[in-house]
């Protein structure tokens, strides 16, 4: 198991790169490459040919992958590290800054 502590649907903040400071939801995670795709961050332009799905073709913008080390979980409006704790026999994620249980 990889050490990715961020899950799909989490609110994260980009802490490095061209989109530093942007916040968005995690759309997808690639565990093999340790990357995440964040809504509205690292926008790439792609030139597409006309096809059955895209009749028009042309230039399409979409989110690109960001390395997991360049994003941080946001809890109560603040970027924080994530730890784990066992509560009632279940492993839960904990915000390191506040000690609150995330899920």
PDB file of N, CA and C in Angstrom:
ATOM      1  N   UNK A   1       0.843  -1.191   0.000  1.00  0.00           N
ATOM      2  CA  UNK A   1       0.000   0.000   0.000  1.00  0.00           C
ATOM      3  C   UNK A   1       0.878   1.240   0.000  1.00  0.00           C
ATOM      4  N   UNK A   2       0.507   2.213  -0.813  1.00  0.00           N
ATOM      5  CA  UNK A   2       1.276   3.458  -0.881  1.00  0.00           C
ATOM      6  C   UNK A   2       0.889   4.375   0.272  1.00  0.00           C
ATOM      7  N   UNK A   3       1.700   5.375   0.512  1.00  0.00           N
ATOM      8  CA  UNK A   3       1.477   6.281   1.626  1.00  0.00           C
ATOM      9  C   UNK A   3       0.614   7.479   1.272  1.00  0.00           C
ATOM     10  N   UNK A   4      -0.353   7.305   0.377  1.00  0.00           N
ATOM     11  CA  UNK A   4      -1.235   8.406   0.006  1.00  0.00           C
ATOM     12  C   UNK A   4      -2.324   8.530   1.064  1.00  0.00           C
ATOM     13  N   UNK A   5      -2.395   9.703   1.697  1.00  0.00           N
ATOM     14  CA  UNK A   5      -3.366   9.922   2.758  1.00  0.00           C
ATOM     15  C   UNK A   5      -4.542  10.756   2.291  1.00  0.00           C
ATOM     16  N   UNK A   6      -4.512  11.172   1.033  1.00  0.00           N
ATOM     17  CA  UNK A   6      -5.583  11.982   0.464  1.00  0.00           C
ATOM     18  C   UNK A   6      -6.515  11.066  -0.328  1.00  0.00           C
ATOM     19  N   UNK A   7      -7.822  11.324  -0.208  1.00  0.00           N
ATOM     20  CA  UNK A   7      -8.808  10.508  -0.899  1.00  0.00           C
ATOM     21  C   UNK A   7      -9.548  11.331  -1.944  1.00  0.00           C
ATOM     22  N   UNK A   8     -10.223  10.641  -2.856  1.00  0.00           N
ATOM     23  CA  UNK A   8     -11.043  11.280  -3.873  1.00  0.00           C
ATOM     24  C   UNK A   8     -12.153  12.068  -3.174  1.00  0.00           C
ATOM     25  N   UNK A   9     -12.349  13.314  -3.610  1.00  0.00           N
ATOM     26  CA  UNK A   9     -13.393  14.156  -3.018  1.00  0.00           C
ATOM     27  C   UNK A   9     -12.889  15.094  -1.930  1.00  0.00           C
ATOM     28  N   UNK A  10     -11.642  14.919  -1.478  1.00  0.00           N
ATOM     29  CA  UNK A  10     -11.063  15.803  -0.460  1.00  0.00           C
ATOM     30  C   UNK A  10     -10.781  17.180  -1.037  1.00  0.00           C
ATOM     31  N   UNK A  11     -10.875  18.205  -0.194  1.00  0.00           N
ATOM     32  CA  UNK A  11     -10.493  19.558  -0.589  1.00  0.00           C
ATOM     33  C   UNK A  11      -9.007  19.712  -0.301  1.00  0.00           C
ATOM     34  N   UNK A  12      -8.235  20.069  -1.330  1.00  0.00           N
ATOM     35  CA  UNK A  12      -6.789  20.206  -1.165  1.00  0.00           C
ATOM     36  C   UNK A  12      -6.312  21.566  -1.665  1.00  0.00           C
ATOM     37  N   UNK A  13      -5.125  21.962  -1.212  1.00  0.00           N
ATOM     38  CA  UNK A  13      -4.490  23.204  -1.636  1.00  0.00           C
ATOM     39  C   UNK A  13      -3.183  22.845  -2.317  1.00  0.00           C
ATOM     40  N   UNK A  14      -2.916  23.469  -3.477  1.00  0.00           N
ATOM     41  CA  UNK A  14      -1.660  23.235  -4.187  1.00  0.00           C
ATOM     42  C   UNK A  14      -0.588  24.082  -3.501  1.00  0.00           C
ATOM     43  N   UNK A  15       0.512  23.439  -3.072  1.00  0.00           N
ATOM     44  CA  UNK A  15       1.546  24.146  -2.309  1.00  0.00           C
ATOM     45  C   UNK A  15       2.825  24.373  -3.103  1.00  0.00           C
ATOM     46  N   UNK A  16       2.878  23.872  -4.344  1.00  0.00           N
ATOM     47  CA  UNK A  16       4.072  24.067  -5.177  1.00  0.00           C
ATOM     48  C   UNK A  16       3.679  24.020  -6.642  1.00  0.00           C
ATOM     49  N   UNK A  17       4.456  24.695  -7.476  1.00  0.00           N
ATOM     50  CA  UNK A  17       4.226  24.668  -8.913  1.00  0.00           C
ATOM     51  C   UNK A  17       3.530  25.921  -9.410  1.00  0.00           C
ATOM     52  N   UNK A  18       3.129  25.898 -10.663  1.00  0.00           N
ATOM     53  CA  UNK A  18       2.551  27.090 -11.299  1.00  0.00           C
ATOM     54  C   UNK A  18       1.195  27.479 -10.716  1.00  0.00           C
ATOM     55  N   UNK A  19       0.491  26.536 -10.111  1.00  0.00           N
ATOM     56  CA  UNK A  19      -0.832  26.807  -9.535  1.00  0.00           C
ATOM     57  C   UNK A  19      -0.792  26.907  -8.011  1.00  0.00           C
ATOM     58  N   UNK A  20       0.363  27.283  -7.463  1.00  0.00           N
ATOM     59  CA  UNK A  20       0.532  27.391  -6.015  1.00  0.00           C
ATOM     60  C   UNK A  20      -0.532  28.307  -5.426  1.00  0.00           C
ATOM     61  N   UNK A  21      -1.190  27.832  -4.356  1.00  0.00           N
ATOM     62  CA  UNK A  21      -2.214  28.625  -3.682  1.00  0.00           C
ATOM     63  C   UNK A  21      -3.632  28.280  -4.087  1.00  0.00           C
ATOM     64  N   UNK A  22      -3.811  27.591  -5.204  1.00  0.00           N
ATOM     65  CA  UNK A  22      -5.153  27.230  -5.654  1.00  0.00           C
ATOM     66  C   UNK A  22      -5.711  26.097  -4.802  1.00  0.00           C
ATOM     67  N   UNK A  23      -7.034  26.132  -4.594  1.00  0.00           N
ATOM     68  CA  UNK A  23      -7.717  25.061  -3.867  1.00  0.00           C
ATOM     69  C   UNK A  23      -8.723  24.395  -4.782  1.00  0.00           C
ATOM     70  N   UNK A  24      -8.955  23.120  -4.555  1.00  0.00           N
ATOM     71  CA  UNK A  24      -9.934  22.400  -5.356  1.00  0.00           C
ATOM     72  C   UNK A  24     -10.144  21.003  -4.822  1.00  0.00           C
ATOM     73  N   UNK A  25     -11.178  20.340  -5.357  1.00  0.00           N
ATOM     74  CA  UNK A  25     -11.499  18.973  -4.964  1.00  0.00           C
ATOM     75  C   UNK A  25     -10.656  17.989  -5.750  1.00  0.00           C
ATOM     76  N   UNK A  26     -10.308  16.875  -5.124  1.00  0.00           N
ATOM     77  CA  UNK A  26      -9.569  15.818  -5.801  1.00  0.00           C
ATOM     78  C   UNK A  26     -10.564  15.038  -6.668  1.00  0.00           C
ATOM     79  N   UNK A  27     -10.289  15.000  -7.977  1.00  0.00           N
ATOM     80  CA  UNK A  27     -11.162  14.319  -8.933  1.00  0.00           C
ATOM     81  C   UNK A  27     -10.739  12.857  -9.085  1.00  0.00           C
ATOM     82  N   UNK A  28      -9.417  12.620  -9.149  1.00  0.00           N
ATOM     83  CA  UNK A  28      -8.904  11.261  -9.347  1.00  0.00           C
ATOM     84  C   UNK A  28      -7.529  11.119  -8.708  1.00  0.00           C
ATOM     85  N   UNK A  29      -7.176   9.876  -8.371  1.00  0.00           N
ATOM     86  CA  UNK A  29      -5.874   9.568  -7.788  1.00  0.00           C
ATOM     87  C   UNK A  29      -5.249   8.429  -8.570  1.00  0.00           C
ATOM     88  N   UNK A  30      -3.956   8.574  -8.908  1.00  0.00           N
ATOM     89  CA  UNK A  30      -3.199   7.495  -9.544  1.00  0.00           C
ATOM     90  C   UNK A  30      -2.189   6.980  -8.520  1.00  0.00           C
ATOM     91  N   UNK A  31      -2.481   5.829  -7.934  1.00  0.00           N
ATOM     92  CA  UNK A  31      -1.637   5.264  -6.874  1.00  0.00           C
ATOM     93  C   UNK A  31      -0.277   4.808  -7.393  1.00  0.00           C
ATOM     94  N   UNK A  32      -0.218   4.378  -8.653  1.00  0.00           N
ATOM     95  CA  UNK A  32       1.056   3.912  -9.210  1.00  0.00           C
ATOM     96  C   UNK A  32       2.037   5.054  -9.421  1.00  0.00           C
ATOM     97  N   UNK A  33       1.535   6.188  -9.913  1.00  0.00           N
ATOM     98  CA  UNK A  33       2.394   7.339 -10.198  1.00  0.00           C
ATOM     99  C   UNK A  33       2.433   8.356  -9.064  1.00  0.00           C
ATOM    100  N   UNK A  34       1.661   8.114  -7.985  1.00  0.00           N
ATOM    101  CA  UNK A  34       1.549   9.035  -6.850  1.00  0.00           C
ATOM    102  C   UNK A  34       1.133  10.438  -7.287  1.00  0.00           C
ATOM    103  N   UNK A  35       0.110  10.510  -8.140  1.00  0.00           N
ATOM    104  CA  UNK A  35      -0.383  11.801  -8.595  1.00  0.00           C
ATOM    105  C   UNK A  35      -1.877  11.926  -8.333  1.00  0.00           C
ATOM    106  N   UNK A  36      -2.331  13.178  -8.257  1.00  0.00           N
ATOM    107  CA  UNK A  36      -3.757  13.459  -8.104  1.00  0.00           C
ATOM    108  C   UNK A  36      -4.172  14.459  -9.179  1.00  0.00           C
ATOM    109  N   UNK A  37      -5.456  14.454  -9.522  1.00  0.00           N
ATOM    110  CA  UNK A  37      -5.996  15.450 -10.430  1.00  0.00           C
ATOM    111  C   UNK A  37      -6.932  16.325  -9.603  1.00  0.00           C
ATOM    112  N   UNK A  38      -6.614  17.632  -9.564  1.00  0.00           N
ATOM    113  CA  UNK A  38      -7.361  18.585  -8.753  1.00  0.00           C
ATOM    114  C   UNK A  38      -8.217  19.452  -9.670  1.00  0.00           C
ATOM    115  N   UNK A  39      -9.481  19.630  -9.288  1.00  0.00           N
ATOM    116  CA  UNK A  39     -10.438  20.424 -10.046  1.00  0.00           C
ATOM    117  C   UNK A  39      -9.927  21.859 -10.214  1.00  0.00           C
ATOM    118  N   UNK A  40      -9.762  22.308 -11.443  1.00  0.00           N
ATOM    119  CA  UNK A  40      -9.379  23.688 -11.718  1.00  0.00           C
ATOM    120  C   UNK A  40      -7.904  24.009 -11.578  1.00  0.00           C
ATOM    121  N   UNK A  41      -7.073  23.018 -11.306  1.00  0.00           N
ATOM    122  CA  UNK A  41      -5.631  23.264 -11.157  1.00  0.00           C
ATOM    123  C   UNK A  41      -4.860  22.519 -12.239  1.00  0.00           C
ATOM    124  N   UNK A  42      -3.712  23.053 -12.632  1.00  0.00           N
ATOM    125  CA  UNK A  42      -2.841  22.474 -13.660  1.00  0.00           C
ATOM    126  C   UNK A  42      -3.613  22.217 -14.954  1.00  0.00           C
ATOM    127  N   UNK A  43      -4.255  23.266 -15.464  1.00  0.00           N
ATOM    128  CA  UNK A  43      -5.050  23.153 -16.689  1.00  0.00           C
ATOM    129  C   UNK A  43      -4.134  23.005 -17.908  1.00  0.00           C
ATOM    130  N   UNK A  44      -4.425  21.992 -18.717  1.00  0.00           N
ATOM    131  CA  UNK A  44      -3.651  21.710 -19.928  1.00  0.00           C
ATOM    132  C   UNK A  44      -4.551  21.910 -21.143  1.00  0.00           C
ATOM    133  N   UNK A  45      -3.966  22.343 -22.261  1.00  0.00           N
ATOM    134  CA  UNK A  45      -4.742  22.451 -23.496  1.00  0.00           C
ATOM    135  C   UNK A  45      -4.411  21.256 -24.373  1.00  0.00           C
ATOM    136  N   UNK A  46      -5.466  20.658 -24.914  1.00  0.00           N
ATOM    137  CA  UNK A  46      -5.307  19.459 -25.719  1.00  0.00           C
ATOM    138  C   UNK A  46      -5.979  19.710 -27.070  1.00  0.00           C
ATOM    139  N   UNK A  47      -5.273  19.408 -28.146  1.00  0.00           N
ATOM    140  CA  UNK A  47      -5.829  19.566 -29.487  1.00  0.00           C
ATOM    141  C   UNK A  47      -6.448  18.238 -29.895  1.00  0.00           C
ATOM    142  N   UNK A  48      -7.766  18.233 -30.146  1.00  0.00           N
ATOM    143  CA  UNK A  48      -8.461  16.984 -30.459  1.00  0.00           C
ATOM    144  C   UNK A  48      -9.010  16.998 -31.877  1.00  0.00           C
ATOM    145  N   UNK A  49      -8.969  15.830 -32.502  1.00  0.00           N
ATOM    146  CA  UNK A  49      -9.556  15.654 -33.831  1.00  0.00           C
ATOM    147  C   UNK A  49     -11.054  15.421 -33.663  1.00  0.00           C
ATOM    148  N   UNK A  50     -11.857  15.760 -34.657  1.00  0.00           N
ATOM    149  CA  UNK A  50     -13.290  15.453 -34.576  1.00  0.00           C
ATOM    150  C   UNK A  50     -13.512  13.938 -34.481  1.00  0.00           C
ATOM    151  N   UNK A  51     -14.401  13.536 -33.576  1.00  0.00           N
ATOM    152  CA  UNK A  51     -14.706  12.112 -33.391  1.00  0.00           C
ATOM    153  C   UNK A  51     -16.199  11.966 -33.123  1.00  0.00           C
ATOM    154  N   UNK A  52     -16.622  10.746 -32.822  1.00  0.00           N
ATOM    155  CA  UNK A  52     -18.041  10.488 -32.551  1.00  0.00           C
ATOM    156  C   UNK A  52     -18.475  11.232 -31.280  1.00  0.00           C
ATOM    157  N   UNK A  53     -17.636  11.183 -30.228  1.00  0.00           N
ATOM    158  CA  UNK A  53     -17.979  11.865 -28.974  1.00  0.00           C
ATOM    159  C   UNK A  53     -17.885  13.387 -29.137  1.00  0.00           C
ATOM    160  N   UNK A  54     -16.815  13.857 -29.805  1.00  0.00           N
ATOM    161  CA  UNK A  54     -16.580  15.290 -29.975  1.00  0.00           C
ATOM    162  C   UNK A  54     -16.676  15.625 -31.467  1.00  0.00           C
ATOM    163  N   UNK A  55     -17.868  15.988 -31.909  1.00  0.00           N
ATOM    164  CA  UNK A  55     -18.112  16.246 -33.332  1.00  0.00           C
ATOM    165  C   UNK A  55     -17.272  17.418 -33.861  1.00  0.00           C
ATOM    166  N   UNK A  56     -17.083  18.422 -33.011  1.00  0.00           N
ATOM    167  CA  UNK A  56     -16.422  19.651 -33.429  1.00  0.00           C
ATOM    168  C   UNK A  56     -14.905  19.513 -33.502  1.00  0.00           C
ATOM    169  N   UNK A  57     -14.310  18.849 -32.501  1.00  0.00           N
ATOM    170  CA  UNK A  57     -12.847  18.816 -32.421  1.00  0.00           C
ATOM    171  C   UNK A  57     -12.360  20.147 -31.885  1.00  0.00           C
ATOM    172  N   UNK A  58     -11.088  20.464 -32.072  1.00  0.00           N
ATOM    173  CA  UNK A  58     -10.558  21.754 -31.646  1.00  0.00           C
ATOM    174  C   UNK A  58      -9.733  21.659 -30.377  1.00  0.00           C
ATOM    175  N   UNK A  59      -9.636  22.793 -29.677  1.00  0.00           N
ATOM    176  CA  UNK A  59      -8.799  22.868 -28.483  1.00  0.00           C
ATOM    177  C   UNK A  59      -9.660  22.664 -27.236  1.00  0.00           C
ATOM    178  N   UNK A  60      -9.262  21.719 -26.401  1.00  0.00           N
ATOM    179  CA  UNK A  60      -9.986  21.386 -25.176  1.00  0.00           C
ATOM    180  C   UNK A  60      -9.046  21.613 -23.993  1.00  0.00           C
ATOM    181  N   UNK A  61      -9.566  22.225 -22.911  1.00  0.00           N
ATOM    182  CA  UNK A  61      -8.753  22.375 -21.701  1.00  0.00           C
ATOM    183  C   UNK A  61      -9.211  21.347 -20.677  1.00  0.00           C
ATOM    184  N   UNK A  62      -8.241  20.713 -20.016  1.00  0.00           N
ATOM    185  CA  UNK A  62      -8.553  19.727 -18.983  1.00  0.00           C
ATOM    186  C   UNK A  62      -7.478  19.756 -17.907  1.00  0.00           C
ATOM    187  N   UNK A  63      -7.823  19.201 -16.740  1.00  0.00           N
ATOM    188  CA  UNK A  63      -6.885  19.169 -15.624  1.00  0.00           C
ATOM    189  C   UNK A  63      -5.799  18.128 -15.864  1.00  0.00           C
ATOM    190  N   UNK A  64      -4.575  18.473 -15.485  1.00  0.00           N
ATOM    191  CA  UNK A  64      -3.459  17.541 -15.575  1.00  0.00           C
ATOM    192  C   UNK A  64      -3.095  17.029 -14.203  1.00  0.00           C
ATOM    193  N   UNK A  65      -2.288  15.972 -14.125  1.00  0.00           N
ATOM    194  CA  UNK A  65      -1.916  15.405 -12.831  1.00  0.00           C
ATOM    195  C   UNK A  65      -0.908  16.282 -12.082  1.00  0.00           C
ATOM    196  N   UNK A  66      -1.009  16.263 -10.752  1.00  0.00           N
ATOM    197  CA  UNK A  66      -0.084  16.964  -9.866  1.00  0.00           C
ATOM    198  C   UNK A  66       0.466  15.922  -8.903  1.00  0.00           C
ATOM    199  N   UNK A  67       1.769  15.962  -8.634  1.00  0.00           N
ATOM    200  CA  UNK A  67       2.357  14.999  -7.711  1.00  0.00           C
ATOM    201  C   UNK A  67       1.763  15.194  -6.320  1.00  0.00           C
ATOM    202  N   UNK A  68       1.545  14.084  -5.625  1.00  0.00           N
ATOM    203  CA  UNK A  68       0.892  14.084  -4.315  1.00  0.00           C
ATOM    204  C   UNK A  68       1.629  14.957  -3.295  1.00  0.00           C
ATOM    205  N   UNK A  69       2.960  15.095  -3.451  1.00  0.00           N
ATOM    206  CA  UNK A  69       3.740  15.886  -2.499  1.00  0.00           C
ATOM    207  C   UNK A  69       3.507  17.383  -2.674  1.00  0.00           C
ATOM    208  N   UNK A  70       2.879  17.779  -3.777  1.00  0.00           N
ATOM    209  CA  UNK A  70       2.641  19.195  -4.050  1.00  0.00           C
ATOM    210  C   UNK A  70       1.240  19.661  -3.680  1.00  0.00           C
ATOM    211  N   UNK A  71       0.472  18.800  -3.010  1.00  0.00           N
ATOM    212  CA  UNK A  71      -0.845  19.201  -2.526  1.00  0.00           C
ATOM    213  C   UNK A  71      -0.947  18.893  -1.031  1.00  0.00           C
ATOM    214  N   UNK A  72      -1.796  19.679  -0.342  1.00  0.00           N
ATOM    215  CA  UNK A  72      -1.992  19.506   1.089  1.00  0.00           C
ATOM    216  C   UNK A  72      -3.483  19.535   1.411  1.00  0.00           C
ATOM    217  N   UNK A  73      -3.915  18.695   2.313  1.00  0.00           N
ATOM    218  CA  UNK A  73      -5.314  18.608   2.726  1.00  0.00           C
ATOM    219  C   UNK A  73      -5.739  19.906   3.409  1.00  0.00           C
ATOM    220  N   UNK A  74      -6.960  20.377   3.108  1.00  0.00           N
ATOM    221  CA  UNK A  74      -7.487  21.593   3.735  1.00  0.00           C
ATOM    222  C   UNK A  74      -8.571  21.210   4.725  1.00  0.00           C
ATOM    223  N   UNK A  75      -8.401  21.663   5.990  1.00  0.00           N
ATOM    224  CA  UNK A  75      -9.368  21.389   7.055  1.00  0.00           C
ATOM    225  C   UNK A  75      -9.689  22.705   7.746  1.00  0.00           C
ATOM    226  N   UNK A  76     -10.963  23.083   7.759  1.00  0.00           N
ATOM    227  CA  UNK A  76     -11.424  24.356   8.337  1.00  0.00           C
ATOM    228  C   UNK A  76     -10.690  25.553   7.731  1.00  0.00           C
ATOM    229  N   UNK A  77     -10.438  25.509   6.411  1.00  0.00           N
ATOM    230  CA  UNK A  77      -9.808  26.620   5.718  1.00  0.00           C
ATOM    231  C   UNK A  77      -8.296  26.692   5.841  1.00  0.00           C
ATOM    232  N   UNK A  78      -7.680  25.744   6.547  1.00  0.00           N
ATOM    233  CA  UNK A  78      -6.227  25.731   6.721  1.00  0.00           C
ATOM    234  C   UNK A  78      -5.632  24.457   6.146  1.00  0.00           C
ATOM    235  N   UNK A  79      -4.473  24.587   5.498  1.00  0.00           N
ATOM    236  CA  UNK A  79      -3.763  23.417   4.990  1.00  0.00           C
ATOM    237  C   UNK A  79      -3.131  22.694   6.174  1.00  0.00           C
ATOM    238  N   UNK A  80      -3.263  21.382   6.221  1.00  0.00           N
ATOM    239  CA  UNK A  80      -2.746  20.599   7.346  1.00  0.00           C
ATOM    240  C   UNK A  80      -2.258  19.235   6.892  1.00  0.00           C
ATOM    241  N   UNK A  81      -1.360  18.671   7.679  1.00  0.00           N
ATOM    242  CA  UNK A  81      -0.917  17.304   7.439  1.00  0.00           C
ATOM    243  C   UNK A  81      -1.996  16.355   7.938  1.00  0.00           C
ATOM    244  N   UNK A  82      -1.921  15.103   7.491  1.00  0.00           N
ATOM    245  CA  UNK A  82      -2.895  14.096   7.907  1.00  0.00           C
ATOM    246  C   UNK A  82      -2.171  12.975   8.638  1.00  0.00           C
ATOM    247  N   UNK A  83      -2.730  12.579   9.764  1.00  0.00           N
ATOM    248  CA  UNK A  83      -2.206  11.449  10.518  1.00  0.00           C
ATOM    249  C   UNK A  83      -3.304  10.415  10.677  1.00  0.00           C
ATOM    250  N   UNK A  84      -2.972   9.317  11.328  1.00  0.00           N
ATOM    251  CA  UNK A  84      -3.957   8.271  11.570  1.00  0.00           C
ATOM    252  C   UNK A  84      -4.045   7.979  13.053  1.00  0.00           C
ATOM    253  N   UNK A  85      -5.234   7.551  13.495  1.00  0.00           N
ATOM    254  CA  UNK A  85      -5.462   7.209  14.888  1.00  0.00           C
ATOM    255  C   UNK A  85      -6.490   6.089  14.919  1.00  0.00           C
ATOM    256  N   UNK A  86      -6.401   5.202  15.897  1.00  0.00           N
ATOM    257  CA  UNK A  86      -7.375   4.125  16.017  1.00  0.00           C
ATOM    258  C   UNK A  86      -8.402   4.532  17.076  1.00  0.00           C
ATOM    259  N   UNK A  87      -9.674   4.619  16.650  1.00  0.00           N
ATOM    260  CA  UNK A  87     -10.772   4.955  17.551  1.00  0.00           C
ATOM    261  C   UNK A  87     -11.828   3.876  17.446  1.00  0.00           C
ATOM    262  N   UNK A  88     -12.203   3.299  18.572  1.00  0.00           N
ATOM    263  CA  UNK A  88     -13.215   2.239  18.632  1.00  0.00           C
ATOM    264  C   UNK A  88     -12.900   1.096  17.668  1.00  0.00           C
ATOM    265  N   UNK A  89     -11.619   0.743  17.562  1.00  0.00           N
ATOM    266  CA  UNK A  89     -11.198  -0.363  16.710  1.00  0.00           C
ATOM    267  C   UNK A  89     -11.162  -0.022  15.229  1.00  0.00           C
ATOM    268  N   UNK A  90     -11.374   1.244  14.880  1.00  0.00           N
ATOM    269  CA  UNK A  90     -11.331   1.664  13.477  1.00  0.00           C
ATOM    270  C   UNK A  90     -10.217   2.665  13.286  1.00  0.00           C
ATOM    271  N   UNK A  91      -9.526   2.570  12.132  1.00  0.00           N
ATOM    272  CA  UNK A  91      -8.465   3.504  11.780  1.00  0.00           C
ATOM    273  C   UNK A  91      -9.112   4.725  11.133  1.00  0.00           C
ATOM    274  N   UNK A  92      -8.880   5.910  11.709  1.00  0.00           N
ATOM    275  CA  UNK A  92      -9.470   7.134  11.175  1.00  0.00           C
ATOM    276  C   UNK A  92      -8.387   8.153  10.860  1.00  0.00           C
ATOM    277  N   UNK A  93      -8.688   9.040   9.889  1.00  0.00           N
ATOM    278  CA  UNK A  93      -7.747  10.104   9.543  1.00  0.00           C
ATOM    279  C   UNK A  93      -7.932  11.269  10.513  1.00  0.00           C
ATOM    280  N   UNK A  94      -6.812  11.888  10.891  1.00  0.00           N
ATOM    281  CA  UNK A  94      -6.826  12.988  11.852  1.00  0.00           C
ATOM    282  C   UNK A  94      -6.044  14.170  11.272  1.00  0.00           C
ATOM    283  N   UNK A  95      -6.609  15.397  11.414  1.00  0.00           N
ATOM    284  CA  UNK A  95      -5.903  16.607  10.996  1.00  0.00           C
ATOM    285  C   UNK A  95      -4.855  16.904  12.059  1.00  0.00           C
ATOM    286  N   UNK A  96      -3.571  16.962  11.647  1.00  0.00           N
ATOM    287  CA  UNK A  96      -2.476  17.164  12.598  1.00  0.00           C
ATOM    288  C   UNK A  96      -2.548  18.535  13.281  1.00  0.00           C
ATOM    289  N   UNK A  97      -2.989  19.579  12.555  1.00  0.00           N
ATOM    290  CA  UNK A  97      -3.009  20.930  13.097  1.00  0.00           C
ATOM    291  C   UNK A  97      -3.978  21.075  14.263  1.00  0.00           C
ATOM    292  N   UNK A  98      -5.160  20.433  14.153  1.00  0.00           N
ATOM    293  CA  UNK A  98      -6.195  20.599  15.168  1.00  0.00           C
ATOM    294  C   UNK A  98      -6.442  19.343  15.998  1.00  0.00           C
ATOM    295  N   UNK A  99      -6.105  18.189  15.460  1.00  0.00           N
ATOM    296  CA  UNK A  99      -6.380  16.931  16.154  1.00  0.00           C
ATOM    297  C   UNK A  99      -7.786  16.425  15.904  1.00  0.00           C
ATOM    298  N   UNK A 100      -8.547  17.105  15.028  1.00  0.00           N
ATOM    299  CA  UNK A 100      -9.918  16.697  14.708  1.00  0.00           C
ATOM    300  C   UNK A 100      -9.918  15.455  13.809  1.00  0.00           C
ATOM    301  N   UNK A 101     -10.927  14.617  14.003  1.00  0.00           N
ATOM    302  CA  UNK A 101     -11.116  13.448  13.142  1.00  0.00           C
ATOM    303  C   UNK A 101     -11.754  13.922  11.846  1.00  0.00           C
ATOM    304  N   UNK A 102     -11.164  13.536  10.704  1.00  0.00           N
ATOM    305  CA  UNK A 102     -11.648  13.987   9.401  1.00  0.00           C
ATOM    306  C   UNK A 102     -12.836  13.155   8.923  1.00  0.00           C
ATOM    307  N   UNK A 103     -12.690  11.831   9.001  1.00  0.00           N
ATOM    308  CA  UNK A 103     -13.806  10.985   8.535  1.00  0.00           C
ATOM    309  C   UNK A 103     -14.012   9.791   9.434  1.00  0.00           C
TER     310      UNK A 103
END
